[in-house]
Amino acid sequence: MAHLSHSKNGNIALITLNNPPQNRLSLQILDELDVALTAIGDSETRALLLRADGADFSFGGDIVPWPDTSTRELRTLFERYMNTFNRFERLSVPTVAAVQGLCFGGGLELAVRADVIIAAETARFGHPEQSLGIVPLLGGVYVSQSAPADPRQSSGRSRRNRFQRG
């Protein structure tokens, strides 16, 4: 069963996380996200909406298998996450993350790579990595630090200059 779906409605692409109950970012979702990003990048898409089914956007990475994973395998895994999240961030179309409920860890790392986050009143954001004894691994803290606290203060030289005109 797929844990991520992607579709198009006209020139708008939609990616939906669907890995109940917490929309954990498993290896399967990572593979499916890669496929979706390739399909969207090869299409005439003009904008992308990232959303999640269920009460929560995502609790982040699927950490259950991590204790039995070697350091080398974890490094490889985190590189895969980073490469896929970088692909999402570098899409040549505007990206919007629609967030509801909890958005933690890797889910937050993915959401902050969108050009815009639309947060429902229920949205709660956080990095629980400290309680796991690790640091945020996917670069999201750096992405969020580079954005102005008040979007009206933006110089306009943000990532939006990467969009193709046409």
N, C-alpha and C. Protein backbone atom coordinates (compact mmCIF):
# COMPACT_ATOMS: atom_id res chain seq x y z
N MET A 1 0.83 -1.18 0.00
CA MET A 1 0.00 0.00 0.00
C MET A 1 0.88 1.25 0.00
N ALA A 2 0.57 2.18 -0.86
CA ALA A 2 1.33 3.43 -0.95
C ALA A 2 1.08 4.29 0.29
N HIS A 3 2.13 4.97 0.74
CA HIS A 3 2.04 5.88 1.88
C HIS A 3 2.12 7.33 1.45
N LEU A 4 2.21 7.54 0.15
CA LEU A 4 2.27 8.88 -0.41
C LEU A 4 1.61 8.81 -1.78
N SER A 5 0.79 9.80 -2.08
CA SER A 5 0.20 9.85 -3.41
C SER A 5 0.53 11.19 -4.04
N HIS A 6 0.53 11.20 -5.35
CA HIS A 6 0.69 12.46 -6.06
C HIS A 6 -0.25 12.47 -7.25
N SER A 7 -0.76 13.65 -7.53
CA SER A 7 -1.71 13.81 -8.63
C SER A 7 -1.59 15.22 -9.17
N LYS A 8 -2.29 15.46 -10.28
CA LYS A 8 -2.32 16.79 -10.87
C LYS A 8 -3.76 17.15 -11.16
N ASN A 9 -4.07 18.40 -10.93
CA ASN A 9 -5.36 18.97 -11.31
C ASN A 9 -5.02 20.20 -12.14
N GLY A 10 -5.10 20.07 -13.45
CA GLY A 10 -4.64 21.13 -14.32
C GLY A 10 -3.13 21.26 -14.17
N ASN A 11 -2.66 22.45 -13.85
CA ASN A 11 -1.22 22.69 -13.68
C ASN A 11 -0.79 22.68 -12.22
N ILE A 12 -1.69 22.26 -11.33
CA ILE A 12 -1.38 22.19 -9.90
C ILE A 12 -1.12 20.74 -9.52
N ALA A 13 0.06 20.51 -8.92
CA ALA A 13 0.40 19.16 -8.44
C ALA A 13 0.08 19.07 -6.95
N LEU A 14 -0.28 17.88 -6.53
CA LEU A 14 -0.62 17.62 -5.14
C LEU A 14 0.15 16.39 -4.67
N ILE A 15 0.87 16.54 -3.56
CA ILE A 15 1.51 15.39 -2.89
C ILE A 15 0.83 15.26 -1.54
N THR A 16 0.38 14.03 -1.23
CA THR A 16 -0.31 13.78 0.03
C THR A 16 0.40 12.66 0.79
N LEU A 17 0.81 12.97 2.03
CA LEU A 17 1.35 11.96 2.92
C LEU A 17 0.17 11.17 3.49
N ASN A 18 0.27 9.85 3.48
CA ASN A 18 -0.81 9.03 4.00
C ASN A 18 -0.22 7.77 4.63
N ASN A 19 0.39 7.95 5.80
CA ASN A 19 1.01 6.85 6.54
C ASN A 19 0.49 6.91 7.98
N PRO A 20 -0.79 6.53 8.16
CA PRO A 20 -1.42 6.69 9.47
C PRO A 20 -0.72 5.86 10.55
N PRO A 21 -0.83 6.27 11.80
CA PRO A 21 -1.58 7.43 12.26
C PRO A 21 -0.73 8.69 12.36
N GLN A 22 0.58 8.60 12.19
CA GLN A 22 1.46 9.74 12.44
C GLN A 22 2.17 10.26 11.19
N ASN A 23 1.89 9.67 10.06
CA ASN A 23 2.55 10.07 8.80
C ASN A 23 4.07 10.12 8.95
N ARG A 24 4.60 9.07 9.59
CA ARG A 24 6.05 8.96 9.75
C ARG A 24 6.70 8.85 8.39
N LEU A 25 7.87 9.47 8.25
CA LEU A 25 8.59 9.48 6.98
C LEU A 25 9.48 8.24 6.90
N SER A 26 8.90 7.18 6.41
CA SER A 26 9.58 5.89 6.29
C SER A 26 10.41 5.84 5.01
N LEU A 27 11.17 4.77 4.86
CA LEU A 27 11.90 4.56 3.60
C LEU A 27 10.94 4.48 2.43
N GLN A 28 9.80 3.85 2.63
CA GLN A 28 8.82 3.74 1.56
C GLN A 28 8.34 5.13 1.13
N ILE A 29 8.03 6.00 2.09
CA ILE A 29 7.60 7.36 1.74
C ILE A 29 8.72 8.10 1.02
N LEU A 30 9.95 7.91 1.47
CA LEU A 30 11.08 8.57 0.82
C LEU A 30 11.17 8.15 -0.65
N ASP A 31 11.05 6.84 -0.91
CA ASP A 31 11.07 6.35 -2.29
C ASP A 31 9.90 6.92 -3.10
N GLU A 32 8.72 6.94 -2.50
CA GLU A 32 7.54 7.45 -3.20
C GLU A 32 7.64 8.96 -3.44
N LEU A 33 8.25 9.68 -2.51
CA LEU A 33 8.45 11.12 -2.70
C LEU A 33 9.41 11.36 -3.86
N ASP A 34 10.47 10.56 -3.94
CA ASP A 34 11.40 10.68 -5.07
C ASP A 34 10.69 10.49 -6.41
N VAL A 35 9.84 9.48 -6.49
CA VAL A 35 9.09 9.21 -7.72
C VAL A 35 8.17 10.40 -8.04
N ALA A 36 7.47 10.90 -7.02
CA ALA A 36 6.57 12.03 -7.22
C ALA A 36 7.32 13.27 -7.70
N LEU A 37 8.48 13.55 -7.10
CA LEU A 37 9.25 14.73 -7.49
C LEU A 37 9.74 14.63 -8.93
N THR A 38 10.12 13.43 -9.34
CA THR A 38 10.54 13.23 -10.73
C THR A 38 9.37 13.48 -11.67
N ALA A 39 8.21 12.92 -11.36
CA ALA A 39 7.03 13.10 -12.20
C ALA A 39 6.64 14.58 -12.29
N ILE A 40 6.68 15.27 -11.17
CA ILE A 40 6.31 16.69 -11.14
C ILE A 40 7.34 17.52 -11.90
N GLY A 41 8.61 17.21 -11.70
CA GLY A 41 9.66 17.94 -12.40
C GLY A 41 9.62 17.76 -13.91
N ASP A 42 9.12 16.61 -14.36
CA ASP A 42 9.04 16.32 -15.79
C ASP A 42 7.72 16.78 -16.42
N SER A 43 6.86 17.41 -15.64
CA SER A 43 5.54 17.79 -16.14
C SER A 43 5.45 19.31 -16.35
N GLU A 44 4.28 19.74 -16.74
CA GLU A 44 4.01 21.18 -16.94
C GLU A 44 3.44 21.82 -15.67
N THR A 45 3.73 21.25 -14.54
CA THR A 45 3.24 21.76 -13.27
C THR A 45 3.67 23.20 -13.06
N ARG A 46 2.75 24.01 -12.54
CA ARG A 46 3.03 25.42 -12.26
C ARG A 46 3.10 25.71 -10.76
N ALA A 47 2.60 24.78 -9.93
CA ALA A 47 2.66 24.94 -8.47
C ALA A 47 2.43 23.58 -7.83
N LEU A 48 2.91 23.44 -6.59
CA LEU A 48 2.80 22.18 -5.86
C LEU A 48 2.27 22.43 -4.46
N LEU A 49 1.28 21.63 -4.07
CA LEU A 49 0.76 21.64 -2.71
C LEU A 49 1.16 20.33 -2.04
N LEU A 50 1.83 20.43 -0.90
CA LEU A 50 2.18 19.27 -0.07
C LEU A 50 1.24 19.27 1.12
N ARG A 51 0.57 18.15 1.36
CA ARG A 51 -0.38 18.04 2.46
C ARG A 51 -0.31 16.64 3.05
N ALA A 52 -1.07 16.43 4.12
CA ALA A 52 -1.10 15.11 4.75
C ALA A 52 -2.52 14.75 5.14
N ASP A 53 -2.87 13.49 4.99
CA ASP A 53 -4.14 12.98 5.49
C ASP A 53 -4.01 12.76 6.99
N GLY A 54 -5.13 12.84 7.68
CA GLY A 54 -5.14 12.57 9.11
C GLY A 54 -5.04 13.82 9.95
N ALA A 55 -5.00 13.61 11.25
CA ALA A 55 -5.00 14.73 12.20
C ALA A 55 -3.67 15.47 12.23
N ASP A 56 -2.58 14.77 11.90
CA ASP A 56 -1.24 15.36 12.01
C ASP A 56 -0.53 15.36 10.66
N PHE A 57 0.26 16.40 10.43
CA PHE A 57 1.05 16.48 9.19
C PHE A 57 2.10 15.37 9.18
N SER A 58 2.99 15.35 10.16
CA SER A 58 3.99 14.28 10.25
C SER A 58 4.74 14.38 11.57
N PHE A 59 4.97 13.23 12.18
CA PHE A 59 5.79 13.16 13.39
C PHE A 59 7.27 13.09 13.05
N GLY A 60 7.61 13.05 11.75
CA GLY A 60 9.02 12.99 11.35
C GLY A 60 9.43 11.61 10.92
N GLY A 61 10.72 11.35 11.04
CA GLY A 61 11.28 10.08 10.57
C GLY A 61 10.75 8.88 11.32
N ASP A 62 10.72 7.76 10.62
CA ASP A 62 10.33 6.49 11.24
C ASP A 62 11.55 5.95 11.98
N ILE A 63 11.64 6.27 13.28
CA ILE A 63 12.84 5.96 14.07
C ILE A 63 12.84 4.56 14.64
N VAL A 64 11.75 3.81 14.49
CA VAL A 64 11.66 2.48 15.09
C VAL A 64 12.82 1.58 14.67
N PRO A 65 13.20 1.52 13.39
CA PRO A 65 14.30 0.63 13.00
C PRO A 65 15.70 1.18 13.32
N TRP A 66 15.84 2.43 13.73
CA TRP A 66 17.15 3.04 13.88
C TRP A 66 18.05 2.36 14.91
N PRO A 67 17.56 1.92 16.06
CA PRO A 67 18.48 1.32 17.04
C PRO A 67 19.24 0.10 16.51
N ASP A 68 18.65 -0.62 15.56
CA ASP A 68 19.30 -1.81 15.00
C ASP A 68 20.07 -1.51 13.73
N THR A 69 20.24 -0.24 13.42
CA THR A 69 20.91 0.17 12.18
C THR A 69 22.32 0.64 12.49
N SER A 70 23.27 0.24 11.66
CA SER A 70 24.66 0.64 11.88
C SER A 70 24.83 2.13 11.58
N THR A 71 25.90 2.69 12.12
CA THR A 71 26.20 4.09 11.89
C THR A 71 26.34 4.38 10.40
N ARG A 72 27.00 3.50 9.69
CA ARG A 72 27.18 3.68 8.24
C ARG A 72 25.84 3.69 7.51
N GLU A 73 24.96 2.76 7.89
CA GLU A 73 23.64 2.70 7.26
C GLU A 73 22.81 3.95 7.58
N LEU A 74 22.93 4.45 8.82
CA LEU A 74 22.20 5.66 9.19
C LEU A 74 22.70 6.87 8.39
N ARG A 75 24.02 6.96 8.23
CA ARG A 75 24.56 8.06 7.43
C ARG A 75 24.02 8.02 6.01
N THR A 76 23.99 6.83 5.43
CA THR A 76 23.46 6.66 4.08
C THR A 76 21.98 7.04 4.03
N LEU A 77 21.23 6.62 5.04
CA LEU A 77 19.81 6.95 5.11
C LEU A 77 19.61 8.46 5.19
N PHE A 78 20.35 9.13 6.07
CA PHE A 78 20.19 10.57 6.23
C PHE A 78 20.61 11.32 4.96
N GLU A 79 21.60 10.81 4.25
CA GLU A 79 21.98 11.42 2.97
C GLU A 79 20.84 11.31 1.96
N ARG A 80 20.16 10.17 1.96
CA ARG A 80 19.01 9.99 1.06
C ARG A 80 17.90 10.97 1.40
N TYR A 81 17.61 11.10 2.70
CA TYR A 81 16.60 12.08 3.10
C TYR A 81 17.01 13.47 2.66
N MET A 82 18.25 13.84 2.92
CA MET A 82 18.74 15.17 2.58
C MET A 82 18.64 15.41 1.07
N ASN A 83 19.05 14.44 0.26
CA ASN A 83 18.98 14.59 -1.19
C ASN A 83 17.55 14.77 -1.68
N THR A 84 16.63 13.99 -1.12
CA THR A 84 15.23 14.08 -1.54
C THR A 84 14.63 15.41 -1.09
N PHE A 85 14.89 15.82 0.14
CA PHE A 85 14.37 17.10 0.64
C PHE A 85 14.97 18.25 -0.16
N ASN A 86 16.24 18.15 -0.54
CA ASN A 86 16.85 19.18 -1.38
C ASN A 86 16.15 19.25 -2.74
N ARG A 87 15.80 18.11 -3.31
CA ARG A 87 15.08 18.09 -4.59
C ARG A 87 13.75 18.81 -4.46
N PHE A 88 13.04 18.54 -3.36
CA PHE A 88 11.77 19.21 -3.10
C PHE A 88 11.97 20.73 -3.04
N GLU A 89 12.96 21.15 -2.28
CA GLU A 89 13.23 22.58 -2.11
C GLU A 89 13.62 23.25 -3.42
N ARG A 90 14.29 22.55 -4.30
CA ARG A 90 14.82 23.12 -5.54
C ARG A 90 13.88 23.01 -6.73
N LEU A 91 12.66 22.51 -6.51
CA LEU A 91 11.71 22.46 -7.62
C LEU A 91 11.57 23.85 -8.23
N SER A 92 11.37 23.90 -9.52
CA SER A 92 11.31 25.18 -10.22
C SER A 92 9.90 25.78 -10.23
N VAL A 93 9.06 25.30 -9.32
CA VAL A 93 7.70 25.84 -9.19
C VAL A 93 7.47 26.22 -7.73
N PRO A 94 6.55 27.14 -7.48
CA PRO A 94 6.23 27.49 -6.09
C PRO A 94 5.66 26.28 -5.35
N THR A 95 6.09 26.12 -4.10
CA THR A 95 5.63 25.01 -3.28
C THR A 95 4.97 25.53 -2.02
N VAL A 96 3.87 24.88 -1.65
CA VAL A 96 3.11 25.25 -0.46
C VAL A 96 2.93 23.99 0.38
N ALA A 97 3.23 24.09 1.68
CA ALA A 97 2.95 23.00 2.61
C ALA A 97 1.75 23.40 3.45
N ALA A 98 0.70 22.59 3.42
CA ALA A 98 -0.49 22.80 4.25
C ALA A 98 -0.34 21.91 5.47
N VAL A 99 -0.17 22.53 6.64
CA VAL A 99 0.17 21.78 7.86
C VAL A 99 -0.97 21.87 8.87
N GLN A 100 -1.35 20.70 9.38
CA GLN A 100 -2.32 20.62 10.46
C GLN A 100 -1.75 19.70 11.53
N GLY A 101 -2.19 19.89 12.75
CA GLY A 101 -1.76 19.02 13.84
C GLY A 101 -0.26 19.13 14.09
N LEU A 102 0.34 18.01 14.49
CA LEU A 102 1.76 18.00 14.83
C LEU A 102 2.63 17.91 13.58
N CYS A 103 3.66 18.72 13.58
CA CYS A 103 4.65 18.75 12.48
C CYS A 103 6.01 18.77 13.16
N PHE A 104 6.60 17.59 13.33
CA PHE A 104 7.81 17.43 14.12
C PHE A 104 8.95 16.87 13.28
N GLY A 105 10.17 17.09 13.77
CA GLY A 105 11.36 16.46 13.23
C GLY A 105 11.46 16.56 11.73
N GLY A 106 11.57 15.41 11.08
CA GLY A 106 11.70 15.36 9.63
C GLY A 106 10.49 15.95 8.91
N GLY A 107 9.30 15.87 9.52
CA GLY A 107 8.13 16.51 8.94
C GLY A 107 8.30 18.02 8.88
N LEU A 108 8.85 18.59 9.97
CA LEU A 108 9.14 20.02 9.99
C LEU A 108 10.25 20.34 8.99
N GLU A 109 11.27 19.49 8.94
CA GLU A 109 12.38 19.71 8.00
C GLU A 109 11.87 19.76 6.56
N LEU A 110 10.88 18.92 6.23
CA LEU A 110 10.31 18.93 4.89
C LEU A 110 9.44 20.17 4.68
N ALA A 111 8.59 20.48 5.66
CA ALA A 111 7.67 21.61 5.51
C ALA A 111 8.41 22.93 5.34
N VAL A 112 9.49 23.15 6.09
CA VAL A 112 10.17 24.45 5.98
C VAL A 112 10.90 24.61 4.66
N ARG A 113 11.02 23.55 3.89
CA ARG A 113 11.64 23.64 2.58
C ARG A 113 10.65 24.09 1.51
N ALA A 114 9.38 24.15 1.87
CA ALA A 114 8.38 24.72 0.95
C ALA A 114 8.56 26.23 0.94
N ASP A 115 8.09 26.85 -0.12
CA ASP A 115 8.18 28.31 -0.22
C ASP A 115 7.24 28.99 0.77
N VAL A 116 6.11 28.36 1.03
CA VAL A 116 5.11 28.91 1.94
C VAL A 116 4.55 27.77 2.78
N ILE A 117 4.33 28.03 4.06
CA ILE A 117 3.62 27.09 4.93
C ILE A 117 2.30 27.74 5.30
N ILE A 118 1.22 27.04 5.04
CA ILE A 118 -0.10 27.45 5.50
C ILE A 118 -0.39 26.57 6.71
N ALA A 119 -0.47 27.18 7.88
CA ALA A 119 -0.65 26.43 9.13
C ALA A 119 -2.08 26.56 9.62
N ALA A 120 -2.72 25.42 9.83
CA ALA A 120 -4.05 25.42 10.43
C ALA A 120 -3.94 25.86 11.89
N GLU A 121 -5.05 26.21 12.48
CA GLU A 121 -5.03 26.60 13.88
C GLU A 121 -4.51 25.47 14.77
N THR A 122 -4.66 24.24 14.33
CA THR A 122 -4.21 23.09 15.12
C THR A 122 -2.72 22.80 14.97
N ALA A 123 -2.06 23.48 14.05
CA ALA A 123 -0.65 23.16 13.74
C ALA A 123 0.26 23.47 14.94
N ARG A 124 1.16 22.52 15.21
CA ARG A 124 2.19 22.68 16.24
C ARG A 124 3.49 22.18 15.64
N PHE A 125 4.55 22.99 15.75
CA PHE A 125 5.83 22.69 15.13
C PHE A 125 6.87 22.43 16.21
N GLY A 126 7.79 21.48 15.94
CA GLY A 126 8.84 21.24 16.91
C GLY A 126 9.91 20.30 16.40
N HIS A 127 11.05 20.37 17.09
CA HIS A 127 12.19 19.48 16.83
C HIS A 127 12.42 18.62 18.07
N PRO A 128 11.92 17.39 18.11
CA PRO A 128 12.09 16.53 19.28
C PRO A 128 13.45 15.82 19.32
N GLU A 129 14.32 16.14 18.37
CA GLU A 129 15.59 15.41 18.29
C GLU A 129 16.40 15.47 19.58
N GLN A 130 16.34 16.60 20.29
CA GLN A 130 17.12 16.72 21.52
C GLN A 130 16.75 15.62 22.52
N SER A 131 15.47 15.28 22.59
CA SER A 131 15.06 14.23 23.54
C SER A 131 15.53 12.86 23.10
N LEU A 132 15.94 12.73 21.83
CA LEU A 132 16.48 11.47 21.32
C LEU A 132 18.01 11.45 21.38
N GLY A 133 18.59 12.57 21.80
CA GLY A 133 20.05 12.65 21.89
C GLY A 133 20.73 12.85 20.56
N ILE A 134 20.00 13.44 19.58
CA ILE A 134 20.58 13.71 18.27
C ILE A 134 20.31 15.17 17.90
N VAL A 135 20.96 15.63 16.86
CA VAL A 135 20.72 16.99 16.38
C VAL A 135 19.81 16.92 15.16
N PRO A 136 19.10 18.01 14.84
CA PRO A 136 18.32 18.02 13.60
C PRO A 136 19.25 17.77 12.42
N LEU A 137 18.93 16.78 11.61
CA LEU A 137 19.89 16.26 10.65
C LEU A 137 19.68 16.70 9.21
N LEU A 138 18.53 17.26 8.89
CA LEU A 138 18.21 17.44 7.48
C LEU A 138 18.26 18.89 7.01
N GLY A 139 18.85 19.76 7.81
CA GLY A 139 19.08 21.13 7.36
C GLY A 139 17.95 22.10 7.57
N GLY A 140 16.83 21.65 8.08
CA GLY A 140 15.68 22.53 8.25
C GLY A 140 15.93 23.70 9.17
N VAL A 141 16.74 23.50 10.20
CA VAL A 141 17.01 24.61 11.11
C VAL A 141 17.77 25.71 10.39
N TYR A 142 18.58 25.35 9.42
CA TYR A 142 19.32 26.35 8.66
C TYR A 142 18.42 27.05 7.67
N VAL A 143 17.50 26.32 7.06
CA VAL A 143 16.56 26.91 6.12
C VAL A 143 15.68 27.90 6.86
N SER A 144 15.15 27.50 8.02
CA SER A 144 14.24 28.38 8.75
C SER A 144 14.98 29.60 9.29
N GLN A 145 16.26 29.48 9.58
CA GLN A 145 17.03 30.62 10.07
C GLN A 145 17.31 31.63 8.96
N SER A 146 17.29 31.20 7.72
CA SER A 146 17.59 32.11 6.62
C SER A 146 16.37 32.92 6.19
N ALA A 147 15.20 32.54 6.65
CA ALA A 147 13.98 33.27 6.29
C ALA A 147 13.78 34.43 7.26
N PRO A 148 13.27 35.56 6.76
CA PRO A 148 13.01 36.69 7.67
C PRO A 148 11.89 36.34 8.64
N ALA A 149 11.98 36.83 9.86
CA ALA A 149 10.94 36.59 10.86
C ALA A 149 9.61 37.16 10.39
N ASP A 150 9.66 38.28 9.72
CA ASP A 150 8.48 38.93 9.16
C ASP A 150 8.62 38.91 7.64
N PRO A 151 7.79 38.12 6.93
CA PRO A 151 7.93 38.01 5.48
C PRO A 151 7.88 39.34 4.76
N ARG A 152 7.26 40.36 5.36
CA ARG A 152 7.19 41.68 4.72
C ARG A 152 8.57 42.32 4.66
N GLN A 153 9.53 41.80 5.46
CA GLN A 153 10.88 42.34 5.47
C GLN A 153 11.77 41.68 4.42
N SER A 154 11.23 40.75 3.68
CA SER A 154 12.00 40.05 2.66
C SER A 154 12.46 41.01 1.59
N SER A 155 13.67 40.79 1.11
CA SER A 155 14.22 41.64 0.06
C SER A 155 13.68 41.26 -1.31
N GLY A 156 12.95 40.14 -1.37
CA GLY A 156 12.46 39.67 -2.66
C GLY A 156 13.50 38.86 -3.41
N ARG A 157 14.66 38.66 -2.81
CA ARG A 157 15.72 37.89 -3.45
C ARG A 157 15.74 36.48 -2.91
N SER A 158 14.61 35.99 -2.47
CA SER A 158 14.54 34.67 -1.87
C SER A 158 14.56 33.60 -2.95
N ARG A 159 14.17 32.41 -2.56
CA ARG A 159 14.18 31.28 -3.48
C ARG A 159 13.23 31.47 -4.64
N ARG A 160 12.30 32.41 -4.56
CA ARG A 160 11.34 32.54 -5.65
C ARG A 160 12.00 32.91 -6.97
N ASN A 161 13.21 33.46 -6.95
CA ASN A 161 13.91 33.80 -8.19
C ASN A 161 14.29 32.56 -8.99
N ARG A 162 14.16 31.38 -8.41
CA ARG A 162 14.50 30.16 -9.12
C ARG A 162 13.36 29.70 -10.04
N PHE A 163 12.17 30.29 -9.91
CA PHE A 163 11.03 29.85 -10.70
C PHE A 163 11.24 30.21 -12.17
N GLN A 164 10.87 29.28 -13.01
CA GLN A 164 10.97 29.51 -14.44
C GLN A 164 9.76 30.32 -14.89
N ARG A 165 9.98 31.21 -15.77
CA ARG A 165 8.88 31.99 -16.35
C ARG A 165 8.44 31.29 -17.63
N GLY A 166 7.18 31.35 -17.90
CA GLY A 166 6.77 30.75 -19.14
C GLY A 166 5.31 30.68 -19.36
